[in-house]
């Protein structure tokens, strides 16, 4: 396989991760400056990002189907492509839950959790940017550790937020709605950790 074809995969991973970061930023802005009257517009914007990420994934699959030699195992290319795409899907899921549950105000502790997710997505972006150099990189492992730590931080906040919800809120509908939204937010951090896990596996197998 030519260097140009090798580069194609890594560039696509980077482009798809950029979509994930844009989706995280859109979700964070929507929650921070919440206006229920423009939620449908926000959903349309998010869907465009999700569609763009899907297109990048399909481009990879199309090239992979015809490739004889690949820079890393075919299964790892498939798994990494899907894992990055899942980041965008999970972020879109949060926005859809807020809309479907007819949320009118954003709980402040949800923003705290969202801030961790933003940091986690940015760290994944650094990780993917460094990934082409994975055989020689001195920083790849550091990014993976940071992502794992942030996922643990998100888990702690998730538990704290659920506890606070059930001890301070008396409206059962609000409890059900926000319990679901917190779950979807926590899934966003899990999706970031999944990307880091795939890359860690690739490094172990190839170095």
Protein backbone atom coordinates (compact mmCIF):
# COMPACT_ATOMS: atom_id res chain seq x y z
CA UNK A 1 0.00 0.00 0.00
CA UNK A 2 1.28 3.46 -0.88
CA UNK A 3 2.05 6.12 1.70
CA UNK A 4 -0.81 8.17 0.29
CA UNK A 5 -3.24 5.34 0.96
CA UNK A 6 -1.83 4.86 4.46
CA UNK A 7 -2.34 8.55 5.16
CA UNK A 8 -5.97 8.34 3.99
CA UNK A 9 -7.02 6.30 7.02
CA UNK A 10 -5.30 8.53 9.56
CA UNK A 11 -6.61 11.71 7.93
CA UNK A 12 -10.13 10.30 8.00
CA UNK A 13 -9.81 9.40 11.67
CA UNK A 14 -8.71 12.98 12.36
CA UNK A 15 -11.58 14.46 10.30
CA UNK A 16 -14.17 12.33 12.07
CA UNK A 17 -12.76 13.26 15.48
CA UNK A 18 -13.08 16.93 14.50
CA UNK A 19 -16.79 16.28 13.90
CA UNK A 20 -17.02 14.82 17.40
CA UNK A 21 -15.39 17.90 18.92
CA UNK A 22 -17.75 20.16 16.99
CA UNK A 23 -20.70 18.09 18.21
CA UNK A 24 -19.48 18.38 21.81
CA UNK A 25 -19.11 22.14 21.45
CA UNK A 26 -22.59 22.43 19.98
CA UNK A 27 -24.10 20.39 22.81
CA UNK A 28 -22.24 22.39 25.46
CA UNK A 29 -23.35 25.72 23.98
CA UNK A 30 -26.94 24.49 23.67
CA UNK A 31 -27.00 23.47 27.31
CA UNK A 32 -25.15 26.53 28.65
CA UNK A 33 -27.28 29.06 26.76
CA UNK A 34 -30.40 26.96 26.76
CA UNK A 35 -33.40 28.11 24.76
CA UNK A 36 -36.12 25.50 24.27
CA UNK A 37 -37.55 27.45 21.33
CA UNK A 38 -34.51 26.74 19.11
CA UNK A 39 -34.02 23.08 19.97
CA UNK A 40 -35.21 21.84 16.57
CA UNK A 41 -32.63 24.08 14.90
CA UNK A 42 -29.92 22.70 17.20
CA UNK A 43 -30.99 19.14 16.39
CA UNK A 44 -30.68 19.88 12.67
CA UNK A 45 -27.17 21.27 13.22
CA UNK A 46 -26.19 18.22 15.26
CA UNK A 47 -27.60 15.84 12.66
CA UNK A 48 -25.47 17.46 9.96
CA UNK A 49 -22.38 16.78 12.06
CA UNK A 50 -23.50 13.21 12.70
CA UNK A 51 -24.15 12.70 8.98
CA UNK A 52 -20.72 14.12 8.17
CA UNK A 53 -19.09 11.67 10.59
CA UNK A 54 -21.04 8.82 9.01
CA UNK A 55 -19.80 9.83 5.58
CA UNK A 56 -16.20 9.74 6.78
CA UNK A 57 -16.77 6.28 8.25
CA UNK A 58 -18.28 5.03 4.99
CA UNK A 59 -15.32 6.45 3.03
CA UNK A 60 -12.99 4.40 5.20
CA UNK A 61 -15.09 1.25 4.76
CA UNK A 62 -15.21 1.73 1.01
CA UNK A 63 -11.41 2.01 0.71
CA UNK A 64 -10.87 -0.79 3.22
CA UNK A 65 -13.04 -3.17 1.21
CA UNK A 66 -10.66 -2.84 -1.76
CA UNK A 67 -7.37 -2.64 0.15
CA UNK A 68 -4.86 -5.49 0.04
CA UNK A 69 -2.42 -4.10 2.62
CA UNK A 70 -3.38 -1.72 5.47
CA UNK A 71 -1.23 0.28 7.94
CA UNK A 72 -2.83 -1.55 10.90
CA UNK A 73 -5.08 -4.60 11.11
CA UNK A 74 -8.31 -4.30 9.15
CA UNK A 75 -10.32 -5.18 12.25
CA UNK A 76 -8.67 -2.32 14.16
CA UNK A 77 -9.43 0.16 11.38
CA UNK A 78 -13.07 -0.93 11.48
CA UNK A 79 -13.27 -0.77 15.27
CA UNK A 80 -11.54 2.60 15.53
CA UNK A 81 -13.69 4.11 12.79
CA UNK A 82 -16.85 2.88 14.53
CA UNK A 83 -15.65 4.02 17.95
CA UNK A 84 -14.96 7.58 16.78
CA UNK A 85 -18.34 7.67 15.02
CA UNK A 86 -19.97 6.48 18.26
CA UNK A 87 -18.67 9.61 20.00
CA UNK A 88 -20.77 11.76 17.68
CA UNK A 89 -23.78 9.44 18.01
CA UNK A 90 -23.69 9.60 21.81
CA UNK A 91 -23.49 13.40 21.81
CA UNK A 92 -26.46 13.58 19.46
CA UNK A 93 -28.35 11.19 21.76
CA UNK A 94 -28.01 13.65 24.66
CA UNK A 95 -29.47 16.49 22.62
CA UNK A 96 -32.35 14.30 21.47
CA UNK A 97 -33.09 13.25 25.05
CA UNK A 98 -33.23 16.88 26.18
CA UNK A 99 -35.63 17.63 23.34
CA UNK A 100 -37.83 14.53 23.66
CA UNK A 101 -38.10 14.96 27.43
CA UNK A 102 -39.25 18.55 26.88
CA UNK A 103 -36.63 19.95 29.24
CA UNK A 104 -37.16 23.64 29.97
CA UNK A 105 -34.12 24.35 32.15
CA UNK A 106 -30.68 22.79 32.35
CA UNK A 107 -29.50 21.62 35.75
CA UNK A 108 -26.15 23.27 36.67
CA UNK A 109 -24.52 19.96 37.58
CA UNK A 110 -25.21 18.70 34.05
CA UNK A 111 -22.99 21.51 32.76
CA UNK A 112 -20.21 20.40 35.09
CA UNK A 113 -20.39 16.91 33.60
CA UNK A 114 -20.52 18.39 30.10
CA UNK A 115 -17.31 20.32 30.78
CA UNK A 116 -15.52 17.03 31.48
CA UNK A 117 -16.87 15.58 28.24
CA UNK A 118 -15.58 18.59 26.30
CA UNK A 119 -12.11 18.09 27.79
CA UNK A 120 -12.29 14.38 27.05
CA UNK A 121 -13.20 14.97 23.39
CA UNK A 122 -10.33 17.43 23.00
CA UNK A 123 -7.93 14.89 24.47
CA UNK A 124 -9.20 12.28 22.00
CA UNK A 125 -8.51 14.80 19.25
CA UNK A 126 -4.90 15.09 20.45
CA UNK A 127 -4.67 11.31 20.64
CA UNK A 128 -5.92 10.80 17.09
CA UNK A 129 -3.65 13.55 15.83
CA UNK A 130 -0.66 11.72 17.30
CA UNK A 131 -1.85 8.27 16.21
CA UNK A 132 -0.01 8.20 12.83
CA UNK A 133 3.25 8.24 14.85
CA UNK A 134 2.13 5.51 17.25
CA UNK A 135 5.26 3.38 16.73
CA UNK A 136 7.54 6.21 17.86
CA UNK A 137 5.29 8.49 19.89
CA UNK A 138 6.29 9.51 23.41
CA UNK A 139 2.97 11.23 24.18
CA UNK A 140 0.35 8.71 22.99
CA UNK A 141 0.35 6.82 26.29
CA UNK A 142 -0.02 10.10 28.19
CA UNK A 143 -3.15 11.01 26.21
CA UNK A 144 -4.65 7.58 26.86
CA UNK A 145 -4.06 7.94 30.62
CA UNK A 146 -5.64 11.41 30.60
CA UNK A 147 -8.74 10.11 28.81
CA UNK A 148 -9.09 7.23 31.26
CA UNK A 149 -8.79 9.67 34.18
CA UNK A 150 -11.43 11.97 32.72
CA UNK A 151 -13.79 9.05 32.17
CA UNK A 152 -13.38 8.18 35.86
CA UNK A 153 -14.09 11.82 36.75
CA UNK A 154 -17.24 11.68 34.64
CA UNK A 155 -18.31 8.50 36.47
CA UNK A 156 -17.90 10.24 39.84
CA UNK A 157 -19.90 13.25 38.68
CA UNK A 158 -22.58 10.97 37.26
CA UNK A 159 -23.04 9.30 40.65
CA UNK A 160 -23.01 12.65 42.48
CA UNK A 161 -25.54 14.12 40.07
CA UNK A 162 -27.89 11.16 40.39
CA UNK A 163 -27.68 11.33 44.17
CA UNK A 164 -28.37 15.07 44.14
CA UNK A 165 -31.27 14.58 41.73
CA UNK A 166 -32.96 12.00 43.93
CA UNK A 167 -32.38 13.91 47.17
CA UNK A 168 -33.37 17.41 46.04
CA UNK A 169 -35.99 16.93 43.33
CA UNK A 170 -39.58 15.98 44.15
CA UNK A 171 -41.04 15.95 40.64
CA UNK A 172 -41.06 12.30 39.43
CA UNK A 173 -41.20 13.33 35.76
CA UNK A 174 -38.16 15.55 36.17
CA UNK A 175 -36.32 12.77 38.00
CA UNK A 176 -36.99 10.29 35.21
CA UNK A 177 -36.02 12.80 32.51
CA UNK A 178 -32.76 13.86 34.08
CA UNK A 179 -31.77 10.37 35.15
CA UNK A 180 -31.95 9.43 31.47
CA UNK A 181 -30.02 12.53 30.35
CA UNK A 182 -27.27 11.91 32.91
CA UNK A 183 -26.98 8.35 31.64
CA UNK A 184 -26.56 9.56 28.07
CA UNK A 185 -23.97 12.12 29.14
CA UNK A 186 -21.99 9.43 30.92
CA UNK A 187 -22.12 7.32 27.73
CA UNK A 188 -20.30 10.17 25.93
CA UNK A 189 -17.33 9.80 28.27
CA UNK A 190 -17.45 6.02 27.82
CA UNK A 191 -17.29 6.50 24.05
CA UNK A 192 -14.12 8.60 24.41
CA UNK A 193 -12.55 5.91 26.57
CA UNK A 194 -13.46 3.28 23.99
CA UNK A 195 -11.44 5.16 21.34
CA UNK A 196 -8.47 5.31 23.70
CA UNK A 197 -8.83 1.60 24.40
CA UNK A 198 -8.77 0.70 20.70
CA UNK A 199 -5.64 2.75 20.14
CA UNK A 200 -3.96 1.27 23.20
CA UNK A 201 -4.68 -2.19 21.79
CA UNK A 202 -3.21 -1.22 18.40
CA UNK A 203 -0.05 0.06 20.06
CA UNK A 204 0.39 -3.13 22.08
CA UNK A 205 -0.06 -5.32 18.99
CA UNK A 206 2.28 -3.31 16.77
CA UNK A 207 5.20 -2.30 18.99
